[in-house]
Amino acid sequence: MLDIRFIRDNPELVQEKAKQKNYDIDISYLLELDTRRRQLVTQVEELRQKRNALAGEMKGQKPTEQQLNTGRQLKEEVARLEGELDVVDADYLALLKKVPNMPLDDVPVGASEDENQVAKTVGDPTQFSFQPKNHAEIAESRGWLDKERAAKVTGARFAYIKGDLVRLQFAIIQFAIMKLTDQNFVQEIIDENSLRTTNKPFVPVLPPLMLRESMYDAMDRLEPRDDRYKVETEDNLWLQGSAEHVLGSMHADEIIAVEDLPLRYLGYATSFRREAGSYGKDMEGMFRMHQFDKLEMESLTTAENGLQEHLLLVGIQEKLMQLLGIPYHVLLKCTADIGKPNARGVDIEAWLPGQGKYRETHTADYMTDYQARRLKTRVKRADGRVELIHTNDATAFALSRTPIAIIENYQTSDGRVRVPEVLIPFIGGQSEL
């Protein structure tokens, strides 16, 4: 959520930036509600003070008829104003929550994902002496992917993953955990990208797969609800759509000592999304599924280190792709595509020979203090000041899309798949699937 003081001081800027992100918000009306809300709070507090003063006057003696009448009037007026305040406060908060985060200055202004900008391209598209197949053809022919039986059991966009494809997934997981828990690897990324941050390694986490609606909403990742799965119980729980939803919220209502930051987590979770509105798109194979596994990075930092942390996570993503030997390009996402809570967003798209195009495999999101304001996650400085933390999240590996990129870029003419060199130690020394 955006700081209302910033909105008061910069109403035209907030209106303009919200429009750039395709959010139609009436900032003028929000500020009217804000003004009325503050007036009502002041009036209620003044009346309560009068009631307290009157109670002091009557203490230890029989109240006069005038005092009783005054007390009743004050009580009725407080109740009336509190009722009005509740309505105004609800309208104010609902509208304030709709105001998106402000994009950083280097975010391209654009109306759709078509206006995202390619910041760099690494590696040439993989060349073959034969016509490359897509991952679905290879995986289904090898018995690694069974969507037909999954559809019978659960419906469309689920799959049974089997055999060597399972072994490949767990090899990727072990590889990522080894790298991100290695202080030397983190330092390598810092040096290669000339960053100013600590080489503190990531802590592996197996998080809960469900979260309360209040936490999901505070993370500002619940909407659009049509894309989420709700657990129909009295607990009001939702299945998370990515590990950062339960990692970013784990320190809600906490004050963290500055010397403990940054907090860096590597979460592994099975995630769930309805993929609402995407029917007819990417139906083949396992590119866009209702259930998928992900390794996700989440970071909590001080404000001055937030952007450096974002660049660190992007640097890690790039290094992991380079170690796998997969060609990719880096997209700087435009204002309309970065997402409501994001101040900056970067995508990495891998070259998929079977599709003949680059497709998204990673995303990195920098939210500044937008999530922390509603989560009430704060940092205590050495001088005692308490401030909101800044949050970042980024994909380490999407464990459907990364195997897709490996299958398509490492396929052989006889339908087999070579194993990237860095993964061979994690798959029993096997060099081919």
Protein backbone atom coordinates (compact mmCIF):
# COMPACT_ATOMS: atom_id res chain seq x y z
CA MET A 1 0.00 0.00 0.00
CA LEU A 2 1.26 3.49 -0.83
CA ASP A 3 1.98 6.01 1.93
CA ILE A 4 -0.98 8.42 2.13
CA ARG A 5 1.44 11.25 2.99
CA PHE A 6 3.21 10.70 -0.33
CA ILE A 7 -0.14 10.82 -2.13
CA ARG A 8 -1.09 14.07 -0.34
CA ASP A 9 2.19 15.67 -1.38
CA ASN A 10 2.19 14.30 -4.96
CA PRO A 11 -1.42 13.87 -6.15
CA GLU A 12 -0.75 14.67 -9.83
CA LEU A 13 2.27 12.35 -9.96
CA VAL A 14 0.37 9.49 -8.34
CA GLN A 15 -2.55 9.96 -10.73
CA GLU A 16 -0.18 9.94 -13.72
CA LYS A 17 1.84 6.91 -12.60
CA ALA A 18 -1.31 4.94 -11.76
CA LYS A 19 -2.59 5.62 -15.27
CA GLN A 20 0.74 4.44 -16.71
CA LYS A 21 0.13 1.13 -14.91
CA ASN A 22 -3.41 0.96 -16.37
CA TYR A 23 -5.11 1.68 -13.02
CA ASP A 24 -8.01 4.13 -13.16
CA ILE A 25 -7.96 5.63 -9.66
CA ASP A 26 -9.69 8.88 -8.61
CA ILE A 27 -6.94 10.38 -6.47
CA SER A 28 -8.93 13.57 -5.85
CA TYR A 29 -11.78 11.57 -4.32
CA LEU A 30 -9.29 9.56 -2.24
CA LEU A 31 -7.90 12.79 -0.79
CA GLU A 32 -11.43 14.04 -0.07
CA LEU A 33 -12.06 10.85 1.91
CA ASP A 34 -8.71 11.28 3.63
CA THR A 35 -9.61 14.84 4.67
CA ARG A 36 -13.06 13.87 5.92
CA ARG A 37 -11.63 10.88 7.76
CA ARG A 38 -9.09 13.04 9.62
CA GLN A 39 -11.80 15.56 10.48
CA LEU A 40 -14.00 12.84 11.92
CA VAL A 41 -11.12 11.33 13.91
CA THR A 42 -10.41 14.76 15.42
CA GLN A 43 -14.08 15.36 16.25
CA VAL A 44 -14.48 11.95 17.88
CA GLU A 45 -11.33 12.45 19.96
CA GLU A 46 -12.50 15.90 21.12
CA LEU A 47 -15.90 14.55 22.16
CA ARG A 48 -14.28 11.65 24.02
CA GLN A 49 -12.13 14.13 25.90
CA LYS A 50 -15.26 16.08 26.87
CA ARG A 51 -16.91 12.87 28.07
CA ASN A 52 -13.86 12.02 30.15
CA ALA A 53 -13.81 15.52 31.62
CA LEU A 54 -17.51 15.28 32.46
CA ALA A 55 -16.97 11.90 34.11
CA GLY A 56 -14.24 13.49 36.20
CA GLU A 57 -16.58 16.24 37.34
CA MET A 58 -19.25 13.73 38.41
CA LYS A 59 -16.82 11.40 40.18
CA GLY A 60 -17.74 10.92 43.85
CA GLN A 61 -20.92 13.00 43.72
CA LYS A 62 -24.46 12.78 42.47
CA PRO A 63 -24.68 14.09 38.87
CA THR A 64 -26.99 16.97 38.11
CA GLU A 65 -29.76 16.70 35.55
CA GLN A 66 -27.79 18.99 33.25
CA GLN A 67 -24.69 16.76 33.55
CA LEU A 68 -26.77 13.68 32.74
CA ASN A 69 -28.30 15.37 29.69
CA THR A 70 -24.87 16.54 28.52
CA GLY A 71 -23.50 13.03 28.99
CA ARG A 72 -26.31 11.51 26.92
CA GLN A 73 -25.83 14.08 24.17
CA LEU A 74 -22.09 13.46 24.04
CA LYS A 75 -22.62 9.71 23.92
CA GLU A 76 -25.12 9.99 21.08
CA GLU A 77 -22.89 12.38 19.13
CA VAL A 78 -19.84 10.10 19.55
CA ALA A 79 -21.88 7.10 18.36
CA ARG A 80 -23.14 9.06 15.34
CA LEU A 81 -19.69 10.27 14.34
CA GLU A 82 -18.12 6.84 14.92
CA GLY A 83 -20.73 5.32 12.60
CA GLU A 84 -19.93 7.91 9.94
CA LEU A 85 -16.20 7.36 10.50
CA ASP A 86 -16.59 3.61 10.01
CA VAL A 87 -18.22 4.17 6.61
CA VAL A 88 -15.70 6.80 5.50
CA ASP A 89 -12.78 4.76 6.81
CA ALA A 90 -13.91 1.64 4.92
CA ASP A 91 -14.31 3.60 1.66
CA TYR A 92 -10.96 5.32 2.21
CA LEU A 93 -9.06 2.09 2.89
CA ALA A 94 -10.66 0.27 -0.05
CA LEU A 95 -9.66 3.07 -2.44
CA LEU A 96 -6.19 3.49 -0.95
CA LYS A 97 -5.53 -0.23 -1.45
CA LYS A 98 -6.32 0.18 -5.15
CA VAL A 99 -3.55 2.73 -5.69
CA PRO A 100 -0.60 0.91 -7.29
CA ASN A 101 3.02 1.28 -6.31
CA MET A 102 4.98 3.95 -8.16
CA PRO A 103 7.33 2.64 -10.88
CA LEU A 104 11.00 3.57 -10.66
CA ASP A 105 12.32 6.13 -13.12
CA ASP A 106 14.00 3.57 -15.40
CA VAL A 107 10.80 1.54 -15.94
CA PRO A 108 9.66 1.98 -19.58
CA VAL A 109 6.24 3.55 -19.98
CA GLY A 110 4.03 1.16 -21.93
CA ALA A 111 0.41 0.10 -22.27
CA SER A 112 0.98 -3.66 -22.54
CA GLU A 113 3.64 -6.38 -22.37
CA ASP A 114 4.34 -5.72 -26.04
CA GLU A 115 6.22 -2.62 -24.92
CA ASN A 116 8.63 -4.45 -22.62
CA GLN A 117 12.24 -3.72 -23.60
CA VAL A 118 14.98 -6.26 -24.28
CA ALA A 119 17.86 -5.12 -22.09
CA LYS A 120 20.34 -7.78 -23.21
CA THR A 121 20.58 -11.09 -25.06
CA VAL A 122 22.92 -13.83 -23.86
CA GLY A 123 23.80 -16.75 -26.13
CA ASP A 124 22.71 -17.49 -29.67
CA PRO A 125 19.58 -19.55 -30.39
CA THR A 126 20.49 -23.24 -30.32
CA GLN A 127 21.10 -24.68 -33.78
CA PHE A 128 20.33 -28.26 -34.82
CA SER A 129 21.11 -30.42 -37.84
CA PHE A 130 17.54 -31.72 -37.61
CA GLN A 131 14.08 -30.25 -37.08
CA PRO A 132 13.80 -29.73 -33.30
CA LYS A 133 10.73 -30.98 -31.47
CA ASN A 134 8.88 -29.23 -28.69
CA HIS A 135 9.15 -30.53 -25.15
CA ALA A 136 5.68 -32.13 -25.17
CA GLU A 137 6.49 -34.36 -28.14
CA ILE A 138 9.69 -35.56 -26.51
CA ALA A 139 8.33 -35.94 -22.97
CA GLU A 140 5.19 -37.79 -24.03
CA SER A 141 7.09 -40.12 -26.35
CA ARG A 142 9.50 -40.98 -23.52
CA GLY A 143 6.73 -41.59 -21.00
CA TRP A 144 7.73 -38.62 -18.84
CA LEU A 145 4.50 -36.65 -19.20
CA ASP A 146 0.94 -38.00 -18.94
CA LYS A 147 -1.74 -35.33 -19.17
CA GLU A 148 -4.47 -37.63 -20.42
CA ARG A 149 -4.65 -39.66 -17.21
CA ALA A 150 -4.25 -36.51 -15.12
CA ALA A 151 -7.26 -34.98 -16.91
CA LYS A 152 -9.24 -38.10 -16.02
CA VAL A 153 -8.35 -37.70 -12.35
CA THR A 154 -8.29 -33.91 -11.85
CA GLY A 155 -9.26 -32.15 -15.07
CA ALA A 156 -7.36 -30.14 -17.66
CA ARG A 157 -3.99 -28.51 -17.07
CA PHE A 158 -2.68 -31.07 -14.63
CA ALA A 159 -0.11 -33.75 -15.39
CA TYR A 160 1.64 -36.81 -14.09
CA ILE A 161 5.39 -36.15 -14.28
CA LYS A 162 7.32 -39.42 -14.37
CA GLY A 163 10.66 -41.13 -14.76
CA ASP A 164 13.73 -39.18 -15.79
CA LEU A 165 11.81 -35.90 -15.86
CA VAL A 166 11.28 -36.25 -12.10
CA ARG A 167 14.97 -36.99 -11.62
CA LEU A 168 15.84 -33.92 -13.70
CA GLN A 169 13.58 -31.73 -11.56
CA PHE A 170 15.19 -32.86 -8.32
CA ALA A 171 18.65 -32.42 -9.83
CA ILE A 172 17.75 -28.79 -10.60
CA ILE A 173 16.51 -28.32 -7.02
CA GLN A 174 19.71 -29.70 -5.50
CA PHE A 175 21.85 -27.63 -7.87
CA ALA A 176 20.02 -24.40 -6.95
CA ILE A 177 20.17 -25.08 -3.20
CA MET A 178 23.89 -25.81 -3.40
CA LYS A 179 24.56 -22.54 -5.23
CA LEU A 180 22.33 -20.18 -3.26
CA THR A 181 23.47 -21.44 0.14
CA ASP A 182 27.11 -20.90 -0.89
CA GLN A 183 28.50 -17.56 0.32
CA ASN A 184 31.21 -17.69 -2.36
CA PHE A 185 28.59 -17.99 -5.13
CA VAL A 186 26.69 -14.96 -3.81
CA GLN A 187 29.97 -13.02 -3.67
CA GLU A 188 30.69 -14.02 -7.26
CA ILE A 189 27.40 -12.47 -8.39
CA ILE A 190 28.13 -9.31 -6.38
CA ASP A 191 31.58 -8.96 -7.99
CA GLU A 192 30.39 -9.67 -11.53
CA ASN A 193 27.65 -7.04 -11.27
CA SER A 194 29.60 -4.45 -9.21
CA LEU A 195 26.96 -4.47 -6.48
CA ARG A 196 27.13 -2.95 -3.00
CA THR A 197 25.63 -5.57 -0.75
CA THR A 198 26.50 -8.44 1.58
CA ASN A 199 27.30 -11.99 0.49
CA LYS A 200 24.94 -13.47 3.06
CA PRO A 201 23.67 -16.82 1.67
CA PHE A 202 20.03 -17.89 1.31
CA VAL A 203 18.21 -20.02 3.87
CA PRO A 204 16.29 -22.93 2.28
CA VAL A 205 12.63 -23.03 3.35
CA LEU A 206 9.79 -25.48 2.89
CA PRO A 207 6.87 -23.10 3.54
CA PRO A 208 3.18 -23.78 4.15
CA LEU A 209 1.20 -24.19 0.93
CA MET A 210 -1.79 -22.27 2.28
CA LEU A 211 -2.21 -18.83 3.81
CA ARG A 212 -4.92 -16.78 5.45
CA GLU A 213 -6.87 -14.37 3.29
CA SER A 214 -5.68 -11.43 5.39
CA MET A 215 -2.04 -12.34 4.72
CA TYR A 216 -2.65 -12.90 1.01
CA ASP A 217 -4.39 -9.55 0.79
CA ALA A 218 -1.64 -7.77 2.74
CA MET A 219 0.92 -9.14 0.26
CA ASP A 220 -1.29 -7.64 -2.47
CA ARG A 221 -1.10 -10.92 -4.39
CA LEU A 222 -4.64 -12.18 -3.82
CA GLU A 223 -6.10 -10.37 -6.80
CA PRO A 224 -7.28 -11.36 -9.30
CA ARG A 225 -9.13 -13.88 -7.13
CA ASP A 226 -10.36 -15.74 -10.19
CA ASP A 227 -6.77 -16.93 -10.63
CA ARG A 228 -6.52 -18.34 -7.09
CA TYR A 229 -7.77 -21.48 -5.39
CA LYS A 230 -9.72 -21.03 -2.17
CA VAL A 231 -9.99 -23.81 0.37
CA GLU A 232 -13.69 -24.02 1.18
CA THR A 233 -13.48 -24.26 4.96
CA GLU A 234 -14.19 -21.99 7.91
CA ASP A 235 -10.46 -21.21 8.13
CA ASN A 236 -10.65 -18.81 5.16
CA LEU A 237 -7.47 -20.25 3.65
CA TRP A 238 -6.15 -20.00 0.11
CA LEU A 239 -3.62 -22.13 -1.76
CA GLN A 240 -0.58 -20.01 -2.48
CA GLY A 241 0.21 -19.16 -6.09
CA SER A 242 3.97 -18.94 -5.56
CA ALA A 243 6.30 -19.43 -2.61
CA GLU A 244 6.90 -15.69 -2.15
CA HIS A 245 3.28 -15.31 -1.02
CA VAL A 246 4.04 -17.29 2.14
CA LEU A 247 7.69 -16.22 2.45
CA GLY A 248 7.05 -12.48 2.21
CA SER A 249 4.30 -12.64 4.82
CA MET A 250 6.13 -14.76 7.40
CA HIS A 251 7.51 -11.68 9.22
CA ALA A 252 4.21 -9.77 9.36
CA ASP A 253 3.81 -7.61 12.51
CA GLU A 254 7.51 -8.03 13.37
CA ILE A 255 10.32 -5.55 14.02
CA ILE A 256 13.65 -6.91 12.76
CA ALA A 257 17.01 -5.70 14.06
CA VAL A 258 18.98 -3.94 11.33
CA GLU A 259 21.98 -6.20 11.89
CA ASP A 260 19.83 -9.22 10.93
CA LEU A 261 19.09 -7.83 7.46
CA PRO A 262 19.03 -8.81 4.71
CA LEU A 263 16.86 -11.87 5.27
CA ARG A 264 17.25 -14.09 2.20
CA TYR A 265 15.09 -17.15 1.71
CA LEU A 266 14.96 -19.84 -0.96
CA GLY A 267 11.52 -21.41 -0.82
CA TYR A 268 10.44 -24.60 -2.56
CA ALA A 269 6.70 -25.03 -2.97
CA THR A 270 4.07 -26.67 -5.09
CA SER A 271 2.00 -23.73 -6.31
CA PHE A 272 -1.53 -23.41 -7.65
CA ARG A 273 -3.08 -21.02 -10.19
CA ARG A 274 -6.27 -21.26 -12.17
CA GLU A 275 -4.64 -19.48 -15.14
CA ALA A 276 -7.98 -17.71 -15.59
CA GLY A 277 -8.42 -16.19 -19.03
CA SER A 278 -5.65 -18.29 -20.57
CA TYR A 279 -7.71 -21.13 -21.99
CA GLY A 280 -6.61 -22.00 -25.48
CA LYS A 281 -3.08 -20.73 -24.75
CA ASP A 282 -0.10 -23.05 -24.18
CA MET A 283 -2.29 -26.12 -23.83
CA GLU A 284 0.42 -28.43 -25.13
CA GLY A 285 2.85 -29.90 -22.65
CA MET A 286 3.48 -28.40 -19.24
CA PHE A 287 4.20 -24.73 -19.91
CA ARG A 288 1.04 -23.32 -18.30
CA MET A 289 -0.33 -25.62 -15.61
CA HIS A 290 -2.75 -25.25 -12.71
CA GLN A 291 -0.19 -26.94 -10.43
CA PHE A 292 3.56 -26.48 -10.68
CA ASP A 293 6.67 -26.48 -8.51
CA LYS A 294 8.93 -23.47 -8.05
CA LEU A 295 12.07 -22.43 -6.26
CA GLU A 296 11.55 -18.81 -5.27
CA MET A 297 13.89 -16.25 -3.75
CA GLU A 298 12.50 -13.78 -1.20
CA SER A 299 14.49 -10.97 0.36
CA LEU A 300 13.81 -8.41 3.09
CA THR A 301 16.18 -5.43 3.31
CA THR A 302 16.53 -1.86 4.46
CA ALA A 303 15.25 0.85 2.10
CA GLU A 304 18.72 1.92 0.94
CA ASN A 305 19.60 -1.65 -0.05
CA GLY A 306 16.33 -2.58 -1.78
CA LEU A 307 17.34 -1.81 -5.36
CA GLN A 308 20.78 -3.40 -4.95
CA GLU A 309 19.04 -6.54 -3.71
CA HIS A 310 16.78 -6.53 -6.76
CA LEU A 311 19.83 -6.35 -9.03
CA LEU A 312 21.47 -9.15 -7.05
CA LEU A 313 18.48 -11.44 -7.60
CA VAL A 314 18.48 -10.70 -11.33
CA GLY A 315 22.23 -11.39 -11.40
CA ILE A 316 21.64 -14.75 -9.71
CA GLN A 317 18.94 -15.64 -12.23
CA GLU A 318 21.26 -14.84 -15.13
CA LYS A 319 24.16 -16.79 -13.65
CA LEU A 320 22.00 -19.87 -13.12
CA MET A 321 20.84 -19.75 -16.74
CA GLN A 322 24.41 -19.32 -17.94
CA LEU A 323 25.55 -22.32 -15.90
CA LEU A 324 22.77 -24.39 -17.49
CA GLY A 325 23.91 -23.20 -20.91
CA ILE A 326 20.47 -21.99 -22.01
CA PRO A 327 20.25 -18.97 -24.36
CA TYR A 328 18.07 -16.19 -22.95
CA HIS A 329 17.27 -12.53 -23.06
CA VAL A 330 16.47 -10.09 -20.27
CA LEU A 331 13.33 -7.95 -20.43
CA LEU A 332 12.84 -4.69 -18.55
CA LYS A 333 9.10 -4.78 -18.03
CA CYS A 334 7.03 -1.69 -18.82
CA THR A 335 4.70 0.15 -16.43
CA ALA A 336 1.58 -1.76 -17.50
CA ASP A 337 3.24 -5.16 -17.06
CA ILE A 338 5.23 -4.91 -13.82
CA GLY A 339 2.22 -5.52 -11.57
CA LYS A 340 0.35 -3.44 -9.02
CA PRO A 341 2.69 -3.75 -5.99
CA ASN A 342 5.88 -3.59 -8.07
CA ALA A 343 8.17 -0.61 -8.49
CA ARG A 344 10.34 -2.48 -11.01
CA GLY A 345 10.11 -5.83 -12.78
CA VAL A 346 12.49 -7.91 -14.86
CA ASP A 347 11.75 -11.08 -16.82
CA ILE A 348 14.18 -13.62 -18.23
CA GLU A 349 12.95 -15.47 -21.27
CA ALA A 350 14.66 -18.66 -22.43
CA TRP A 351 15.04 -19.60 -26.07
CA LEU A 352 12.78 -22.57 -26.83
CA PRO A 353 13.78 -24.19 -30.15
CA GLY A 354 10.56 -26.25 -30.29
CA GLN A 355 8.54 -23.04 -30.34
CA GLY A 356 11.10 -20.94 -32.18
CA LYS A 357 10.73 -18.08 -29.69
CA TYR A 358 11.79 -16.77 -26.30
CA ARG A 359 9.41 -17.62 -23.42
CA GLU A 360 9.37 -16.48 -19.81
CA THR A 361 11.15 -18.68 -17.28
CA HIS A 362 12.01 -16.14 -14.55
CA THR A 363 10.65 -12.94 -13.09
CA ALA A 364 12.12 -10.56 -10.50
CA ASP A 365 9.93 -8.08 -8.61
CA TYR A 366 10.97 -5.12 -6.45
CA MET A 367 8.15 -3.79 -4.26
CA THR A 368 9.95 -1.10 -2.15
CA ASP A 369 7.91 -0.72 1.10
CA TYR A 370 4.54 -1.27 -0.60
CA GLN A 371 3.94 -4.76 0.86
CA ALA A 372 5.59 -4.01 4.20
CA ARG A 373 3.18 -1.17 4.98
CA ARG A 374 0.19 -3.50 5.25
CA LEU A 375 2.22 -6.40 6.63
CA LYS A 376 3.68 -4.06 9.27
CA THR A 377 7.12 -5.59 8.80
CA ARG A 378 9.69 -3.13 10.08
CA VAL A 379 13.39 -2.71 10.85
CA LYS A 380 14.85 -1.14 13.97
CA ARG A 381 17.90 1.01 13.29
CA ALA A 382 20.90 1.23 15.60
CA ASP A 383 19.70 4.67 16.76
CA GLY A 384 16.28 3.25 17.67
CA ARG A 385 14.35 4.48 14.63
CA VAL A 386 11.76 2.03 13.30
CA GLU A 387 11.09 1.99 9.54
CA LEU A 388 9.38 -0.20 6.98
CA ILE A 389 11.51 -2.83 5.25
CA HIS A 390 11.74 -3.26 1.46
CA THR A 391 10.81 -6.56 -0.20
CA ASN A 392 12.03 -8.38 -3.29
CA ASP A 393 11.06 -11.70 -4.82
CA ALA A 394 12.46 -13.54 -7.81
CA THR A 395 12.28 -16.95 -9.46
CA ALA A 396 15.28 -19.19 -8.90
CA PHE A 397 13.81 -21.94 -11.09
CA ALA A 398 10.29 -22.64 -12.27
CA LEU A 399 10.35 -26.42 -12.23
CA SER A 400 8.12 -26.86 -15.22
CA ARG A 401 9.57 -24.21 -17.48
CA THR A 402 13.26 -24.82 -16.73
CA PRO A 403 12.96 -28.52 -17.67
CA ILE A 404 11.14 -27.41 -20.84
CA ALA A 405 14.11 -25.20 -21.76
CA ILE A 406 16.54 -28.04 -21.04
CA ILE A 407 14.56 -30.62 -23.03
CA GLU A 408 14.25 -28.38 -26.08
CA ASN A 409 17.81 -27.00 -26.09
CA TYR A 410 19.53 -30.28 -25.25
CA GLN A 411 17.49 -32.66 -27.41
CA THR A 412 19.18 -35.10 -29.78
CA SER A 413 18.09 -36.37 -33.17
CA ASP A 414 16.99 -39.71 -31.67
CA GLY A 415 14.65 -38.09 -29.15
CA ARG A 416 16.94 -38.24 -26.16
CA VAL A 417 18.02 -35.30 -23.99
CA ARG A 418 21.56 -34.44 -22.93
CA VAL A 419 21.98 -33.39 -19.31
CA PRO A 420 23.59 -29.95 -18.73
CA GLU A 421 27.07 -30.49 -17.37
CA VAL A 422 26.38 -28.75 -14.04
CA LEU A 423 23.46 -31.09 -13.33
CA ILE A 424 25.26 -34.38 -14.03
CA PRO A 425 26.58 -34.76 -10.43
CA PHE A 426 23.01 -34.40 -9.14
CA ILE A 427 21.53 -37.08 -11.37
CA GLY A 428 23.87 -39.92 -10.55
CA GLY A 429 26.50 -39.03 -13.16
CA GLN A 430 24.02 -39.64 -15.98
CA SER A 431 24.84 -37.51 -19.03
CA GLU A 432 21.77 -38.31 -21.11
CA LEU A 433 18.10 -38.95 -20.42
